[in-house]
Amino acid sequence: MVAPLVCGEDLKIWKLHTELSFVRTSGNTNTETFSLKFDVNREGEKNKLLLKGNGLYSKTEGKESASKLSITGRWERLFTLRFFSYLTLGFKTDKFSGYEYRINGGPGIGYYLIKDDKKELKLLSSILYYKDRKYVEPFEEDAYTSSETELSLKIYLRENVLLKHLTNYSISLNDYSKYFITSEISLEVMVNNHISLGVGYQVYYQNKIPDPTIKRLDTTFLTSLIINI
């Protein structure tokens, strides 16, 4: 769960985590839903590069009903076994939540509250610059500084059962009514060293909606095939 540190900056550990989900129903209701989630990291003695993303696309009765994508890149610099700083850059698009894009970037710090072979509890805090563009008229752009806090938990309930939970809170420092909350919990059951089966539930909330027709709360439940390399 927690990648071991290696001796020597020239030695690197690559890891790839991919989750795939596809659901199709037909008959009284015709739906298609595809989800992809990936996490790639390269870890050395002091430095770690991380690229992660997730996307969801859905059609209901032939009409697009969900289309979202999020990609984040991060460079971490470890100072002690628990404390690190980082720089991050992200891109998000979710037109059914009212945004053509949300671009962000900035510095942050992180601390492992718990870190051993079976448990990992990590707290991150950052100050990010955001630039948003609405997908709904009048297609306005908004640039602002945001404070972001994230709590991440990974714990092995059994040798082959992993529980993961993440909560992210982001608030505009220019407008305190503009804040976003993302919470995700998932359970993974390992079939072998590379293949797992998983279930996950995600909650996304935005307090200040871009348009009155858009709901503040989105929820997603998925079952996935997980590949670890």
Protein backbone atom coordinates (compact mmCIF):
# COMPACT_ATOMS: atom_id res chain seq x y z
CA MET A 1 0.00 0.00 0.00
CA VAL A 2 2.79 2.42 0.95
CA ALA A 3 5.65 2.24 -1.54
CA PRO A 4 8.93 1.43 0.17
CA LEU A 5 11.76 3.96 0.07
CA VAL A 6 14.76 2.93 -1.97
CA CYS A 7 18.44 3.60 -1.41
CA GLY A 8 19.84 5.84 -4.09
CA GLU A 9 18.11 8.53 -6.10
CA ASP A 10 18.90 6.70 -9.36
CA LEU A 11 16.66 3.77 -8.34
CA LYS A 12 12.99 4.33 -9.12
CA ILE A 13 9.78 2.50 -8.40
CA TRP A 14 7.04 2.72 -11.06
CA LYS A 15 3.46 1.83 -10.22
CA LEU A 16 0.33 1.86 -12.36
CA HIS A 17 -3.18 1.51 -10.91
CA THR A 18 -6.11 1.38 -13.35
CA GLU A 19 -9.85 0.97 -12.71
CA LEU A 20 -12.27 0.19 -15.55
CA SER A 21 -16.05 0.04 -15.42
CA PHE A 22 -18.69 -0.39 -18.13
CA VAL A 23 -22.44 -0.83 -17.66
CA ARG A 24 -25.10 -1.23 -20.35
CA THR A 25 -28.83 -1.73 -19.83
CA SER A 26 -31.54 -2.25 -22.43
CA GLY A 27 -35.28 -2.78 -22.47
CA ASN A 28 -37.42 -0.31 -20.56
CA THR A 29 -34.40 1.97 -20.16
CA ASN A 30 -31.37 2.08 -22.46
CA THR A 31 -28.21 3.32 -20.77
CA GLU A 32 -24.46 3.11 -21.30
CA THR A 33 -21.90 4.16 -18.70
CA PHE A 34 -18.10 4.02 -18.98
CA SER A 35 -15.66 4.98 -16.24
CA LEU A 36 -11.86 5.09 -16.19
CA LYS A 37 -9.58 5.88 -13.28
CA PHE A 38 -5.78 5.72 -13.26
CA ASP A 39 -2.90 6.49 -10.94
CA VAL A 40 0.75 6.45 -12.08
CA ASN A 41 3.65 7.28 -9.79
CA ARG A 42 7.41 7.16 -9.87
CA GLU A 43 9.06 7.22 -6.47
CA GLY A 44 12.68 7.70 -5.46
CA GLU A 45 14.44 8.28 -2.17
CA LYS A 46 13.36 11.93 -1.88
CA ASN A 47 11.23 12.75 -4.93
CA LYS A 48 7.92 11.41 -6.15
CA LEU A 49 6.09 12.12 -9.41
CA LEU A 50 2.37 11.40 -9.51
CA LEU A 51 -0.15 11.53 -12.34
CA LYS A 52 -3.75 10.60 -11.65
CA GLY A 53 -7.06 11.04 -13.42
CA ASN A 54 -10.62 9.85 -13.68
CA GLY A 55 -13.35 10.16 -16.26
CA LEU A 56 -17.02 9.28 -16.54
CA TYR A 57 -19.17 9.19 -19.67
CA SER A 58 -22.81 8.13 -19.83
CA LYS A 59 -25.72 8.02 -22.27
CA THR A 60 -29.39 7.55 -21.42
CA GLU A 61 -31.85 6.79 -24.24
CA GLY A 62 -29.17 7.84 -26.72
CA LYS A 63 -28.60 11.23 -25.10
CA GLU A 64 -25.44 12.22 -23.27
CA SER A 65 -26.19 12.36 -19.55
CA ALA A 66 -22.72 12.60 -17.97
CA SER A 67 -19.34 13.76 -19.25
CA LYS A 68 -16.57 14.58 -16.83
CA LEU A 69 -12.78 14.34 -16.75
CA SER A 70 -10.18 15.23 -14.13
CA ILE A 71 -6.37 15.01 -14.48
CA THR A 72 -3.85 16.00 -11.80
CA GLY A 73 -0.05 15.98 -11.86
CA ARG A 74 2.04 16.43 -8.71
CA TRP A 75 5.71 16.55 -7.76
CA GLU A 76 6.46 15.75 -4.12
CA ARG A 77 9.69 16.37 -2.21
CA LEU A 78 10.13 14.32 0.97
CA PHE A 79 11.92 16.07 3.88
CA THR A 80 11.36 13.48 6.62
CA LEU A 81 9.71 10.05 6.67
CA ARG A 82 6.35 11.81 7.20
CA PHE A 83 6.60 15.42 6.00
CA PHE A 84 6.75 16.56 2.36
CA SER A 85 6.01 19.55 0.14
CA TYR A 86 4.61 19.49 -3.38
CA LEU A 87 3.68 21.40 -6.53
CA THR A 88 0.48 20.44 -8.32
CA LEU A 89 -1.26 21.20 -11.62
CA GLY A 90 -4.79 20.10 -12.49
CA PHE A 91 -7.46 20.20 -15.18
CA LYS A 92 -11.16 19.42 -14.75
CA THR A 93 -14.14 19.50 -17.07
CA ASP A 94 -17.75 18.66 -16.20
CA LYS A 95 -20.31 20.32 -18.43
CA PHE A 96 -23.30 18.81 -16.60
CA SER A 97 -22.06 20.53 -13.44
CA GLY A 98 -21.77 23.76 -15.44
CA TYR A 99 -18.04 24.00 -16.17
CA GLU A 100 -16.27 23.81 -19.52
CA TYR A 101 -12.99 23.69 -17.61
CA ARG A 102 -11.40 24.37 -14.22
CA ILE A 103 -7.60 24.74 -14.30
CA ASN A 104 -5.56 24.95 -11.10
CA GLY A 105 -1.98 25.00 -9.92
CA GLY A 106 0.14 25.86 -6.89
CA PRO A 107 2.20 24.68 -3.91
CA GLY A 108 1.24 22.60 -0.91
CA ILE A 109 2.49 20.60 2.07
CA GLY A 110 1.63 17.11 3.24
CA TYR A 111 2.06 14.98 6.34
CA TYR A 112 1.60 11.25 6.99
CA LEU A 113 -0.37 11.02 10.23
CA ILE A 114 -0.05 7.22 10.04
CA LYS A 115 2.32 5.30 7.79
CA ASP A 116 3.08 1.59 8.05
CA ASP A 117 2.64 -1.60 6.01
CA LYS A 118 -1.10 -1.88 6.72
CA LYS A 119 -2.31 1.71 7.23
CA GLU A 120 -1.75 5.09 5.65
CA LEU A 121 -3.44 8.33 6.73
CA LYS A 122 -2.27 11.42 4.86
CA LEU A 123 -3.21 15.11 5.19
CA LEU A 124 -2.52 17.64 2.42
CA SER A 125 -3.02 21.41 2.38
CA SER A 126 -2.39 23.78 -0.53
CA ILE A 127 -2.98 27.28 -1.89
CA LEU A 128 -4.03 27.04 -5.53
CA TYR A 129 -4.74 29.48 -8.32
CA TYR A 130 -7.91 28.57 -10.23
CA LYS A 131 -9.27 29.68 -13.57
CA ASP A 132 -12.83 28.51 -14.34
CA ARG A 133 -14.95 28.84 -17.46
CA LYS A 134 -18.69 28.20 -17.30
CA TYR A 135 -20.34 25.86 -19.82
CA VAL A 136 -23.65 27.72 -19.50
CA GLU A 137 -24.49 31.22 -20.70
CA PRO A 138 -23.05 33.85 -20.35
CA PHE A 139 -19.93 31.59 -20.49
CA GLU A 140 -18.07 33.70 -17.94
CA GLU A 141 -14.52 33.09 -16.75
CA ASP A 142 -13.50 33.40 -13.11
CA ALA A 143 -9.94 33.57 -11.74
CA TYR A 144 -9.33 33.28 -8.00
CA THR A 145 -7.13 31.88 -5.24
CA SER A 146 -8.35 28.82 -3.41
CA SER A 147 -7.45 27.01 -0.19
CA GLU A 148 -7.62 23.21 -0.54
CA THR A 149 -7.44 20.49 2.12
CA GLU A 150 -7.42 16.75 1.50
CA LEU A 151 -7.50 13.75 3.84
CA SER A 152 -6.63 10.34 2.40
CA LEU A 153 -6.92 6.95 4.13
CA LYS A 154 -5.79 3.50 3.02
CA ILE A 155 -6.12 0.49 5.31
CA TYR A 156 -5.90 -3.26 4.76
CA LEU A 157 -8.87 -4.87 6.50
CA ARG A 158 -7.47 -8.26 5.54
CA GLU A 159 -4.43 -9.33 3.54
CA ASN A 160 -6.40 -9.11 0.28
CA VAL A 161 -9.02 -6.46 1.18
CA LEU A 162 -8.16 -2.76 0.93
CA LEU A 163 -10.40 0.10 2.13
CA LYS A 164 -9.75 3.57 0.71
CA HIS A 165 -11.33 6.89 1.61
CA LEU A 166 -10.61 10.41 0.36
CA THR A 167 -12.22 13.74 1.22
CA ASN A 168 -11.25 16.98 -0.52
CA TYR A 169 -12.47 20.47 0.44
CA SER A 170 -11.72 23.50 -1.74
CA ILE A 171 -12.89 27.06 -1.04
CA SER A 172 -12.36 30.30 -2.95
CA LEU A 173 -10.55 32.94 -0.88
CA ASN A 174 -12.23 35.61 -3.04
CA ASP A 175 -15.78 34.33 -2.44
CA TYR A 176 -16.36 32.09 0.59
CA SER A 177 -19.73 30.92 -0.80
CA LYS A 178 -17.87 29.19 -3.65
CA TYR A 179 -16.65 25.89 -2.28
CA PHE A 180 -16.45 22.29 -3.46
CA ILE A 181 -16.46 19.00 -1.54
CA THR A 182 -15.48 15.65 -3.01
CA SER A 183 -15.67 12.46 -0.95
CA GLU A 184 -14.98 8.96 -2.18
CA ILE A 185 -14.94 5.58 -0.44
CA SER A 186 -14.01 2.30 -2.10
CA LEU A 187 -13.31 -1.34 -1.29
CA GLU A 188 -10.88 -3.48 -3.29
CA VAL A 189 -10.64 -7.27 -3.14
CA MET A 190 -7.46 -8.69 -4.66
CA VAL A 191 -7.79 -11.74 -6.89
CA ASN A 192 -4.01 -11.96 -7.43
CA ASN A 193 -1.02 -9.62 -7.40
CA HIS A 194 -2.26 -7.69 -10.46
CA ILE A 195 -6.05 -8.05 -10.60
CA SER A 196 -8.66 -6.82 -8.11
CA LEU A 197 -12.39 -6.24 -8.03
CA GLY A 198 -13.71 -3.04 -6.52
CA VAL A 199 -16.78 -1.06 -5.57
CA GLY A 200 -16.79 2.68 -4.99
CA TYR A 201 -19.14 5.48 -4.06
CA GLN A 202 -18.36 9.14 -4.80
CA VAL A 203 -20.10 12.30 -3.64
CA TYR A 204 -19.49 15.68 -5.31
CA TYR A 205 -20.98 18.89 -3.92
CA GLN A 206 -20.65 22.48 -5.17
CA ASN A 207 -22.22 25.18 -3.05
CA LYS A 208 -22.36 27.98 -5.62
CA ILE A 209 -23.90 26.57 -8.80
CA PRO A 210 -23.16 28.17 -12.19
CA ASP A 211 -26.82 27.94 -13.25
CA PRO A 212 -30.14 27.49 -11.32
CA THR A 213 -30.97 24.36 -13.36
CA ILE A 214 -27.87 22.53 -12.05
CA LYS A 215 -28.04 20.44 -8.89
CA ARG A 216 -25.49 21.04 -6.16
CA LEU A 217 -25.03 17.35 -5.36
CA ASP A 218 -23.81 14.54 -7.66
CA THR A 219 -23.32 10.92 -6.56
CA THR A 220 -21.77 8.00 -8.43
CA PHE A 221 -21.67 4.29 -7.57
CA LEU A 222 -19.47 1.98 -9.65
CA THR A 223 -18.14 -1.56 -9.66
CA SER A 224 -14.75 -1.87 -11.33
CA LEU A 225 -12.07 -4.18 -12.64
CA ILE A 226 -8.75 -3.04 -11.18
CA ILE A 227 -5.33 -3.66 -12.74
CA ASN A 228 -2.10 -3.02 -10.83
CA ILE A 229 1.29 -3.12 -12.55
